[in-house]
Amino acid sequence: MKPNHPPRKRPPRRKPLDPARRVAFDVLRAVSERDAYANLALPAMLRERGIDGRDAAFATELTYGACRSLGLLDAVIERAAGRPTDRIDPVLLDLLRLGTYQLLRTRVEPHAAVSTTVEQAGIEFDSARAGFVNGVLRTISGRDEQAWIAELAPSAETDPVGHTAFVHAHPRWIAQAFTDALGAAAGELDALLASDDARPVVHLAARPTAITAEELAEQAGGTVGRYSPYAVYLTGGDPGRVPAVRDGAAQVQDEGSQLVARALTLAEVDGTDEGRWLDLCSGPGGKTALLASIGAASGARVTAVEPAERRADLVEENTRGLGVEVHRVDGRESGLQPGFDRVLVDAPCTGLGALRRRPESRWRRQPGDVAALTRLQRELLAAAIRLTRPGGVVLYATCSPHLAETVGVVADAIRRHPVTAMDTRPLFAPVDDLGAGPHVQLWPHRHGTDAMFAAALRVDPDVR
């Protein structure tokens, strides 16, 4: 006779993450595992899974927020877990980041932030590691963000830059680079770093020959921009659903980038402008398209250079119908015939000026990246000068305020090549608060744009 054992109890079935949290978690994994860009991965995933409305807004807040505040989250997790993050399984770590962000920087009820994360840990792993997540998050939930900052941040007295960087979840080296660029205005560091965490307004650019900013604003339900005559601020909704954007009469483009492209067209050249314009670093083609649209009124033709195949494809796609000639070559050795009237060098850079639009970039970039980029920037600017006719203008621009990438590169060019710095500030009218010049540095906390740098250089007329 078989013994009468009581039936074995099955462990309760764990509840998986809801769709919004699941999307956020999956994007965090893509960023960690594959170096994906959150601002590209998230919209695609939301569309693929049919998530919209409040769920999409919640997923966006969790994803971008966790990516932006990664350093702060990891410091808190390390203290609560009693071990460095590199000793925590990467999948478990992204779950902890998702839960910690909800606890410290959202209004989500603590029990919901903890329980949903613990349940998913049990699904991904086992009860033991779910218990680990539970213990860590409950420790974290015992204090608010300000209390954790008070415990973990560098001293505001002995290391004010490090303290401000920690408070605003920025690497210290980036905060120091911003401080150096702000110079006498270094007291604005707090406001600048805070602006990186604010959700940026979507900017549209009306292509001059196709639609006016006023018409675009009415069509998109937005408002006309403050500075660029082509800018419209989109106050809500998907820009891809704006008819003018779909039809190629307008494009999504930060107002600062619009001002850079426009500045090149406004710079005074010696002699006659024959309408031979060049964009030496054109991918993905936003500035190229605006240059070509502006130039169409005077018969100017734009040549574009882009060595990366995918980005060159985007240039062709974004400039279709504008008469742009795209060359898939390295700008340093383009093989183009010199004699261009105007040349734009929107150089590859660290992208520190667009951290608000690329939430994971502040943690992906490293100080060691700067040296290789500045070498490339110097070489590209030198090539641009060689391709520009005597009396023509080169506009050098970066989406970074790092001094090595901006005034350092320009000073090197002036020292080595027959060029003269122009006062670039009038080319950015009506923007104010541009500093002492001759270059221009835009700031998100002052101007509402990305932190674009621009310097106009005229090739000496007597050079032959």
Protein backbone atom coordinates (compact mmCIF):
# COMPACT_ATOMS: atom_id res chain seq x y z
CA MET A 1 0.00 0.00 0.00
CA LYS A 2 1.46 3.37 -1.08
CA PRO A 3 2.00 5.98 1.64
CA ASN A 4 -0.58 8.74 1.60
CA HIS A 5 1.57 11.87 1.05
CA PRO A 6 -0.15 15.23 1.08
CA PRO A 7 -0.12 16.93 -2.35
CA ARG A 8 2.99 19.06 -2.96
CA LYS A 9 2.23 22.75 -2.95
CA ARG A 10 3.23 24.52 -6.09
CA PRO A 11 4.97 27.85 -5.63
CA PRO A 12 2.67 30.72 -6.48
CA ARG A 13 2.94 31.81 -10.08
CA ARG A 14 4.89 35.02 -10.40
CA LYS A 15 3.36 37.97 -12.18
CA PRO A 16 5.50 39.36 -15.05
CA LEU A 17 6.15 43.04 -15.58
CA ASP A 18 3.31 45.08 -17.04
CA PRO A 19 3.81 46.23 -20.67
CA ALA A 20 5.21 49.68 -19.79
CA ARG A 21 7.78 48.39 -17.31
CA ARG A 22 8.62 45.50 -19.63
CA VAL A 23 9.46 47.87 -22.47
CA ALA A 24 11.63 49.98 -20.17
CA PHE A 25 13.46 46.89 -18.93
CA ASP A 26 14.00 45.56 -22.46
CA VAL A 27 15.40 48.89 -23.66
CA LEU A 28 17.74 49.02 -20.65
CA ARG A 29 18.96 45.56 -21.60
CA ALA A 30 19.48 46.64 -25.22
CA VAL A 31 21.48 49.67 -24.07
CA SER A 32 23.60 47.56 -21.70
CA GLU A 33 24.11 44.54 -23.96
CA ARG A 34 24.24 45.95 -27.47
CA ASP A 35 25.14 49.63 -26.97
CA ALA A 36 21.72 50.53 -28.38
CA TYR A 37 20.51 54.12 -28.34
CA ALA A 38 17.50 54.50 -26.08
CA ASN A 39 15.98 57.30 -28.19
CA LEU A 40 15.93 54.94 -31.18
CA ALA A 41 15.15 51.64 -29.46
CA LEU A 42 12.25 52.86 -27.33
CA PRO A 43 9.99 54.39 -30.04
CA ALA A 44 10.50 51.32 -32.23
CA MET A 45 9.60 48.98 -29.38
CA LEU A 46 6.53 50.99 -28.41
CA ARG A 47 5.27 50.86 -32.00
CA GLU A 48 6.04 47.17 -32.36
CA ARG A 49 4.11 46.30 -29.19
CA GLY A 50 1.25 48.68 -29.82
CA ILE A 51 1.80 50.66 -26.61
CA ASP A 52 0.56 54.24 -26.54
CA GLY A 53 -1.11 56.80 -24.32
CA ARG A 54 -0.33 56.73 -20.60
CA ASP A 55 1.53 53.42 -20.81
CA ALA A 56 3.87 54.84 -23.46
CA ALA A 57 4.43 57.96 -21.36
CA PHE A 58 5.24 55.83 -18.30
CA ALA A 59 7.61 53.61 -20.30
CA THR A 60 9.35 56.71 -21.67
CA GLU A 61 9.79 58.20 -18.19
CA LEU A 62 11.23 54.96 -16.80
CA THR A 63 13.53 54.32 -19.76
CA TYR A 64 15.01 57.77 -20.25
CA GLY A 65 15.07 58.50 -16.54
CA ALA A 66 16.96 55.33 -15.67
CA CYS A 67 19.41 55.88 -18.54
CA ARG A 68 20.10 59.47 -17.49
CA SER A 69 20.53 58.74 -13.78
CA LEU A 70 22.58 55.56 -14.16
CA GLY A 71 25.56 56.72 -12.11
CA LEU A 72 23.42 57.84 -9.19
CA LEU A 73 21.36 54.65 -9.31
CA ASP A 74 24.46 52.46 -9.35
CA ALA A 75 26.03 54.29 -6.40
CA VAL A 76 22.88 53.74 -4.35
CA ILE A 77 22.59 50.09 -5.43
CA GLU A 78 26.22 49.42 -4.50
CA ARG A 79 25.75 50.85 -1.03
CA ALA A 80 22.47 49.00 -0.44
CA ALA A 81 23.78 45.71 -1.85
CA GLY A 82 27.14 45.90 -0.14
CA ARG A 83 28.96 44.98 -3.34
CA PRO A 84 30.13 46.78 -6.54
CA THR A 85 27.79 46.66 -9.51
CA ASP A 86 30.29 44.64 -11.58
CA ARG A 87 29.67 41.78 -9.16
CA ILE A 88 25.93 41.80 -9.82
CA ASP A 89 24.52 39.86 -12.76
CA PRO A 90 23.89 42.38 -15.60
CA VAL A 91 20.24 41.36 -16.03
CA LEU A 92 19.66 41.61 -12.29
CA LEU A 93 21.44 44.97 -12.26
CA ASP A 94 19.13 46.43 -14.92
CA LEU A 95 16.14 45.23 -12.91
CA LEU A 96 17.56 46.90 -9.82
CA ARG A 97 18.11 50.11 -11.78
CA LEU A 98 14.50 50.04 -12.94
CA GLY A 99 13.22 49.50 -9.41
CA THR A 100 15.58 52.04 -7.84
CA TYR A 101 14.62 54.74 -10.32
CA GLN A 102 10.95 54.26 -9.47
CA LEU A 103 11.72 54.49 -5.74
CA LEU A 104 13.89 57.61 -5.92
CA ARG A 105 12.66 59.64 -8.87
CA THR A 106 8.99 58.86 -9.52
CA ARG A 107 5.71 58.96 -7.63
CA VAL A 108 5.23 55.21 -7.98
CA GLU A 109 4.17 53.67 -4.68
CA PRO A 110 7.19 51.96 -3.05
CA HIS A 111 5.40 48.62 -2.65
CA ALA A 112 4.57 48.61 -6.40
CA ALA A 113 8.14 49.48 -7.41
CA VAL A 114 9.53 46.72 -5.17
CA SER A 115 6.99 43.97 -5.83
CA THR A 116 6.97 44.28 -9.63
CA THR A 117 10.77 44.18 -9.74
CA VAL A 118 11.04 41.25 -7.33
CA GLU A 119 8.45 39.26 -9.28
CA GLN A 120 10.38 39.72 -12.51
CA ALA A 121 13.64 38.74 -10.81
CA GLY A 122 11.98 35.50 -9.78
CA ILE A 123 10.89 34.87 -13.36
CA GLU A 124 14.31 35.70 -14.81
CA PHE A 125 16.25 33.76 -12.16
CA ASP A 126 15.06 32.05 -8.97
CA SER A 127 13.69 32.72 -5.51
CA ALA A 128 17.12 33.29 -4.01
CA ARG A 129 17.96 36.14 -6.34
CA ALA A 130 14.43 37.49 -6.11
CA GLY A 131 15.08 37.65 -2.37
CA PHE A 132 18.33 39.53 -3.01
CA VAL A 133 16.48 42.10 -5.12
CA ASN A 134 13.81 42.39 -2.46
CA GLY A 135 16.39 43.08 0.25
CA VAL A 136 18.28 45.67 -1.80
CA LEU A 137 15.17 47.57 -2.86
CA ARG A 138 13.70 47.58 0.63
CA THR A 139 16.94 49.05 1.93
CA ILE A 140 16.84 51.71 -0.79
CA SER A 141 13.19 52.50 -0.10
CA GLY A 142 14.04 53.38 3.50
CA ARG A 143 15.40 56.78 2.37
CA ASP A 144 14.53 59.28 -0.31
CA GLU A 145 16.85 60.57 -3.01
CA GLN A 146 18.06 63.55 -1.01
CA ALA A 147 19.04 61.35 1.93
CA TRP A 148 21.03 59.04 -0.34
CA ILE A 149 22.72 62.03 -1.97
CA ALA A 150 23.65 63.43 1.44
CA GLU A 151 25.33 60.12 2.26
CA LEU A 152 27.06 59.36 -1.05
CA ALA A 153 27.84 62.66 -2.82
CA PRO A 154 31.27 64.29 -2.61
CA SER A 155 31.47 67.23 -0.25
CA ALA A 156 30.05 70.46 -1.65
CA GLU A 157 32.77 72.38 0.23
CA THR A 158 35.82 70.41 -0.91
CA ASP A 159 34.58 69.24 -4.33
CA PRO A 160 31.74 71.50 -5.52
CA VAL A 161 31.93 70.25 -9.13
CA GLY A 162 31.84 66.61 -8.03
CA HIS A 163 28.96 67.32 -5.68
CA THR A 164 26.89 69.06 -8.36
CA ALA A 165 27.70 66.29 -10.83
CA PHE A 166 26.49 63.62 -8.40
CA VAL A 167 23.32 65.52 -7.54
CA HIS A 168 22.41 65.74 -11.24
CA ALA A 169 23.67 62.24 -12.12
CA HIS A 170 26.50 63.30 -14.44
CA PRO A 171 30.03 61.90 -14.59
CA ARG A 172 32.37 64.31 -12.87
CA TRP A 173 34.61 64.72 -15.93
CA ILE A 174 31.65 66.01 -17.97
CA ALA A 175 30.66 68.45 -15.25
CA GLN A 176 34.26 69.68 -15.15
CA ALA A 177 34.31 70.11 -18.95
CA PHE A 178 31.12 72.18 -18.73
CA THR A 179 32.59 74.26 -15.90
CA ASP A 180 35.70 74.98 -17.98
CA ALA A 181 33.57 76.02 -20.97
CA LEU A 182 31.30 78.23 -18.86
CA GLY A 183 34.35 80.08 -17.52
CA ALA A 184 33.24 83.13 -15.59
CA ALA A 185 29.66 81.80 -15.71
CA ALA A 186 30.60 78.57 -13.90
CA GLY A 187 27.93 79.39 -11.32
CA GLU A 188 25.44 78.24 -13.97
CA LEU A 189 26.64 74.63 -13.76
CA ASP A 190 23.70 73.57 -11.61
CA ALA A 191 21.20 75.01 -14.10
CA LEU A 192 23.06 73.52 -17.05
CA LEU A 193 23.14 70.00 -15.60
CA ALA A 194 19.49 70.28 -14.59
CA SER A 195 18.62 71.17 -18.18
CA ASP A 196 20.12 67.88 -19.33
CA ASP A 197 17.52 66.06 -17.24
CA ALA A 198 14.56 68.08 -18.52
CA ARG A 199 12.57 66.53 -21.32
CA PRO A 200 13.54 68.56 -24.41
CA VAL A 201 10.91 70.16 -26.60
CA VAL A 202 10.81 68.69 -30.10
CA HIS A 203 11.99 71.26 -32.64
CA LEU A 204 10.90 71.21 -36.27
CA ALA A 205 12.54 73.05 -39.16
CA ALA A 206 10.47 74.37 -42.05
CA ARG A 207 12.34 74.00 -45.33
CA PRO A 208 12.29 77.53 -46.78
CA THR A 209 11.25 76.71 -50.32
CA ALA A 210 8.44 74.39 -49.20
CA ILE A 211 6.67 75.87 -46.17
CA THR A 212 6.96 78.78 -43.74
CA ALA A 213 7.44 78.41 -40.01
CA GLU A 214 4.04 80.02 -39.48
CA GLU A 215 2.34 77.54 -41.79
CA LEU A 216 4.17 74.65 -40.17
CA ALA A 217 3.23 75.81 -36.67
CA GLU A 218 -0.44 75.96 -37.63
CA GLN A 219 -0.31 72.55 -39.25
CA ALA A 220 1.58 70.90 -36.37
CA GLY A 221 -0.25 72.66 -33.56
CA GLY A 222 3.05 74.15 -32.37
CA THR A 223 4.58 77.58 -31.87
CA VAL A 224 7.07 79.50 -33.97
CA GLY A 225 10.63 79.36 -32.59
CA ARG A 226 12.44 82.21 -30.85
CA TYR A 227 15.58 82.40 -32.95
CA SER A 228 15.65 80.48 -36.22
CA PRO A 229 13.22 81.76 -38.87
CA TYR A 230 12.54 78.11 -39.73
CA ALA A 231 11.95 76.77 -36.20
CA VAL A 232 8.72 75.46 -34.75
CA TYR A 233 8.36 74.06 -31.24
CA LEU A 234 6.12 71.02 -31.20
CA THR A 235 4.07 71.17 -28.02
CA GLY A 236 2.85 67.58 -28.19
CA GLY A 237 2.24 64.60 -30.42
CA ASP A 238 4.35 62.52 -32.76
CA PRO A 239 6.35 64.66 -35.24
CA GLY A 240 6.16 61.82 -37.73
CA ARG A 241 2.43 62.43 -38.02
CA VAL A 242 2.84 66.05 -39.12
CA PRO A 243 2.01 66.11 -42.86
CA ALA A 244 4.88 68.49 -43.71
CA VAL A 245 7.38 66.17 -42.00
CA ARG A 246 5.97 63.14 -43.80
CA ASP A 247 6.09 64.97 -47.14
CA GLY A 248 9.64 66.32 -46.73
CA ALA A 249 8.61 69.96 -46.43
CA ALA A 250 9.87 70.02 -42.83
CA GLN A 251 12.16 67.99 -40.61
CA VAL A 252 12.88 67.30 -36.98
CA GLN A 253 15.93 69.41 -36.10
CA ASP A 254 17.14 71.17 -32.97
CA GLU A 255 16.96 74.94 -33.31
CA GLY A 256 20.67 75.21 -32.54
CA SER A 257 21.49 73.02 -35.53
CA GLN A 258 19.25 75.18 -37.69
CA LEU A 259 21.14 78.27 -36.57
CA VAL A 260 24.48 76.66 -37.44
CA ALA A 261 23.40 75.82 -40.98
CA ARG A 262 21.88 79.28 -41.45
CA ALA A 263 25.03 80.98 -40.12
CA LEU A 264 27.12 79.52 -42.94
CA THR A 265 24.75 81.02 -45.51
CA LEU A 266 24.88 84.46 -43.86
CA ALA A 267 28.67 84.75 -43.55
CA GLU A 268 30.17 87.41 -45.82
CA VAL A 269 32.58 86.04 -48.41
CA ASP A 270 35.09 88.08 -50.37
CA GLY A 271 34.16 88.29 -54.02
CA THR A 272 31.18 86.68 -55.70
CA ASP A 273 29.48 83.69 -54.16
CA GLU A 274 29.21 81.29 -57.09
CA GLY A 275 26.91 78.99 -55.10
CA ARG A 276 29.38 76.15 -54.64
CA TRP A 277 28.71 74.96 -51.10
CA LEU A 278 30.04 71.92 -49.26
CA ASP A 279 28.95 69.97 -46.18
CA LEU A 280 32.06 67.97 -45.31
CA CYS A 281 30.56 65.86 -42.48
CA SER A 282 26.99 65.56 -43.67
CA GLY A 283 25.45 62.47 -42.08
CA PRO A 284 22.59 62.05 -41.34
CA GLY A 285 21.74 65.06 -43.51
CA GLY A 286 19.64 67.47 -41.44
CA LYS A 287 21.95 70.45 -41.84
CA THR A 288 22.64 69.46 -45.46
CA ALA A 289 18.93 69.55 -46.26
CA LEU A 290 18.48 72.95 -44.65
CA LEU A 291 21.56 74.33 -46.43
CA ALA A 292 20.24 73.10 -49.77
CA SER A 293 16.77 74.53 -49.07
CA ILE A 294 18.20 77.94 -48.16
CA GLY A 295 20.59 77.90 -51.10
CA ALA A 296 17.88 77.05 -53.61
CA ALA A 297 16.66 80.65 -53.58
CA SER A 298 20.01 81.89 -54.91
CA GLY A 299 20.83 78.91 -57.10
CA ALA A 300 23.47 77.48 -54.76
CA ARG A 301 24.24 73.76 -55.04
CA VAL A 302 25.34 71.67 -52.08
CA THR A 303 27.89 68.87 -52.21
CA ALA A 304 27.79 66.46 -49.28
CA VAL A 305 30.50 64.15 -47.99
CA GLU A 306 29.80 61.17 -45.71
CA PRO A 307 32.04 58.09 -45.43
CA ALA A 308 29.69 55.79 -43.47
CA GLU A 309 27.37 53.89 -45.81
CA ARG A 310 24.28 53.94 -43.59
CA ARG A 311 24.67 57.63 -42.81
CA ALA A 312 25.28 58.42 -46.48
CA ASP A 313 22.03 56.60 -47.28
CA LEU A 314 20.29 58.85 -44.75
CA VAL A 315 21.80 61.96 -46.37
CA GLU A 316 20.40 60.89 -49.73
CA GLU A 317 17.03 60.11 -48.19
CA ASN A 318 16.85 63.38 -46.23
CA THR A 319 17.91 65.55 -49.19
CA ARG A 320 15.86 63.86 -51.91
CA GLY A 321 14.68 66.41 -54.47
CA LEU A 322 17.08 69.11 -53.26
CA GLY A 323 19.82 68.56 -55.86
CA VAL A 324 22.46 67.50 -53.31
CA GLU A 325 25.39 65.53 -54.67
CA VAL A 326 26.51 62.92 -52.09
CA HIS A 327 30.08 61.57 -52.04
CA ARG A 328 30.74 58.44 -49.96
CA VAL A 329 34.33 59.27 -49.07
CA ASP A 330 36.41 60.35 -46.09
CA GLY A 331 36.30 64.14 -45.82
CA ARG A 332 40.02 64.25 -45.08
CA GLU A 333 40.77 62.74 -48.50
CA SER A 334 37.66 63.50 -50.51
CA GLY A 335 39.26 63.94 -53.92
CA LEU A 336 37.01 66.95 -54.51
CA GLN A 337 38.24 69.92 -56.51
CA PRO A 338 39.01 72.97 -54.30
CA GLY A 339 37.18 76.25 -54.80
CA PHE A 340 34.09 76.01 -52.61
CA ASP A 341 32.61 79.33 -51.50
CA ARG A 342 31.20 78.02 -48.22
CA VAL A 343 32.12 74.86 -46.30
CA LEU A 344 30.44 73.45 -43.22
CA VAL A 345 32.45 71.20 -40.91
CA ASP A 346 29.92 69.79 -38.46
CA ALA A 347 32.59 67.56 -37.00
CA PRO A 348 32.17 64.20 -35.25
CA CYS A 349 32.44 64.92 -31.52
CA THR A 350 31.66 63.62 -28.04
CA GLY A 351 28.09 64.89 -28.34
CA LEU A 352 28.19 66.35 -24.83
CA GLY A 353 25.98 69.19 -26.01
CA ALA A 354 23.04 66.87 -26.73
CA LEU A 355 22.95 64.78 -23.55
CA ARG A 356 19.32 65.72 -22.94
CA ARG A 357 18.36 64.03 -26.22
CA ARG A 358 20.64 60.97 -25.81
CA PRO A 359 20.06 59.82 -22.24
CA GLU A 360 22.67 57.05 -22.09
CA SER A 361 25.48 59.05 -23.73
CA ARG A 362 26.73 60.69 -20.54
CA TRP A 363 27.73 57.24 -19.21
CA ARG A 364 28.88 55.79 -22.52
CA ARG A 365 31.40 58.52 -23.35
CA GLN A 366 34.77 58.43 -21.60
CA PRO A 367 37.46 61.11 -21.13
CA GLY A 368 39.79 59.06 -23.31
CA ASP A 369 37.50 59.58 -26.30
CA VAL A 370 38.40 63.26 -26.55
CA ALA A 371 41.98 62.95 -27.84
CA ALA A 372 41.10 60.81 -30.87
CA LEU A 373 38.15 63.01 -31.73
CA THR A 374 40.12 66.26 -31.54
CA ARG A 375 42.74 64.78 -33.85
CA LEU A 376 40.00 63.90 -36.35
CA GLN A 377 38.43 67.35 -35.95
CA ARG A 378 41.73 69.11 -36.68
CA GLU A 379 42.27 66.99 -39.78
CA LEU A 380 38.76 67.59 -41.10
CA LEU A 381 39.02 71.34 -40.53
CA ALA A 382 42.38 71.41 -42.31
CA ALA A 383 40.84 69.57 -45.27
CA ALA A 384 37.93 72.02 -45.35
CA ILE A 385 40.30 74.97 -45.47
CA ARG A 386 42.16 73.42 -48.40
CA LEU A 387 38.86 72.94 -50.26
CA THR A 388 37.72 76.54 -49.71
CA ARG A 389 38.61 79.25 -52.22
CA PRO A 390 40.52 82.36 -51.15
CA GLY A 391 38.02 84.70 -49.53
CA GLY A 392 35.59 81.85 -48.87
CA VAL A 393 34.27 80.84 -45.45
CA VAL A 394 34.54 77.70 -43.35
CA LEU A 395 32.09 77.25 -40.48
CA TYR A 396 33.39 74.79 -37.88
CA ALA A 397 30.76 73.38 -35.54
CA THR A 398 30.43 70.72 -32.85
CA CYS A 399 27.58 69.56 -30.65
CA SER A 400 29.92 69.76 -27.69
CA PRO A 401 31.16 72.62 -25.51
CA HIS A 402 34.34 70.77 -24.49
CA LEU A 403 37.16 73.30 -24.92
CA ALA A 404 39.49 70.76 -26.56
CA GLU A 405 36.87 70.15 -29.28
CA THR A 406 35.94 73.78 -29.76
CA VAL A 407 38.30 76.70 -29.18
CA GLY A 408 41.27 74.33 -29.05
CA VAL A 409 40.65 73.01 -32.56
CA VAL A 410 39.94 76.50 -33.92
CA ALA A 411 43.08 77.99 -32.34
CA ASP A 412 45.15 75.19 -33.87
CA ALA A 413 43.68 75.92 -37.33
CA ILE A 414 44.37 79.65 -37.05
CA ARG A 415 47.94 78.91 -36.03
CA ARG A 416 48.60 76.43 -38.86
CA HIS A 417 46.52 77.67 -41.79
CA PRO A 418 45.89 80.93 -43.69
CA VAL A 419 42.56 81.73 -42.06
CA THR A 420 41.19 84.58 -39.98
CA ALA A 421 38.57 84.24 -37.27
CA MET A 422 35.36 86.13 -38.04
CA ASP A 423 33.00 87.47 -35.40
CA THR A 424 30.48 84.66 -35.57
CA ARG A 425 27.95 86.23 -33.18
CA PRO A 426 26.15 88.44 -35.76
CA LEU A 427 25.46 85.31 -37.82
CA PHE A 428 23.35 83.98 -34.94
CA ALA A 429 21.13 87.06 -34.51
CA PRO A 430 18.72 87.47 -32.80
CA VAL A 431 20.24 85.12 -30.20
CA ASP A 432 21.60 87.03 -27.22
CA ASP A 433 23.89 86.12 -24.31
CA LEU A 434 26.56 84.67 -26.61
CA GLY A 435 29.59 85.77 -24.66
CA ALA A 436 32.67 87.69 -25.74
CA GLY A 437 33.16 85.94 -29.09
CA PRO A 438 34.41 85.71 -31.74
CA HIS A 439 32.96 82.19 -31.63
CA VAL A 440 29.45 81.20 -30.50
CA GLN A 441 28.50 78.78 -27.75
CA LEU A 442 24.82 77.95 -27.32
CA TRP A 443 23.51 76.41 -24.08
CA PRO A 444 20.32 74.47 -23.30
CA HIS A 445 19.74 76.31 -20.01
CA ARG A 446 20.13 79.74 -21.67
CA HIS A 447 18.80 79.27 -25.18
CA GLY A 448 16.73 76.10 -25.08
CA THR A 449 18.93 74.53 -27.77
CA ASP A 450 21.57 71.84 -27.75
CA ALA A 451 24.98 73.13 -26.68
CA MET A 452 26.22 73.86 -30.20
CA PHE A 453 29.57 75.55 -30.80
CA ALA A 454 30.33 77.45 -34.01
CA ALA A 455 33.28 79.44 -35.34
CA ALA A 456 33.46 81.09 -38.77
CA LEU A 457 36.88 81.30 -40.47
CA ARG A 458 37.63 83.24 -43.64
CA VAL A 459 40.35 81.86 -45.88
CA ASP A 460 42.81 84.70 -46.52
CA PRO A 461 42.03 86.32 -49.91
CA ASP A 462 45.67 86.52 -50.99
CA VAL A 463 46.22 82.75 -50.70
CA ARG A 464 46.82 81.14 -54.09
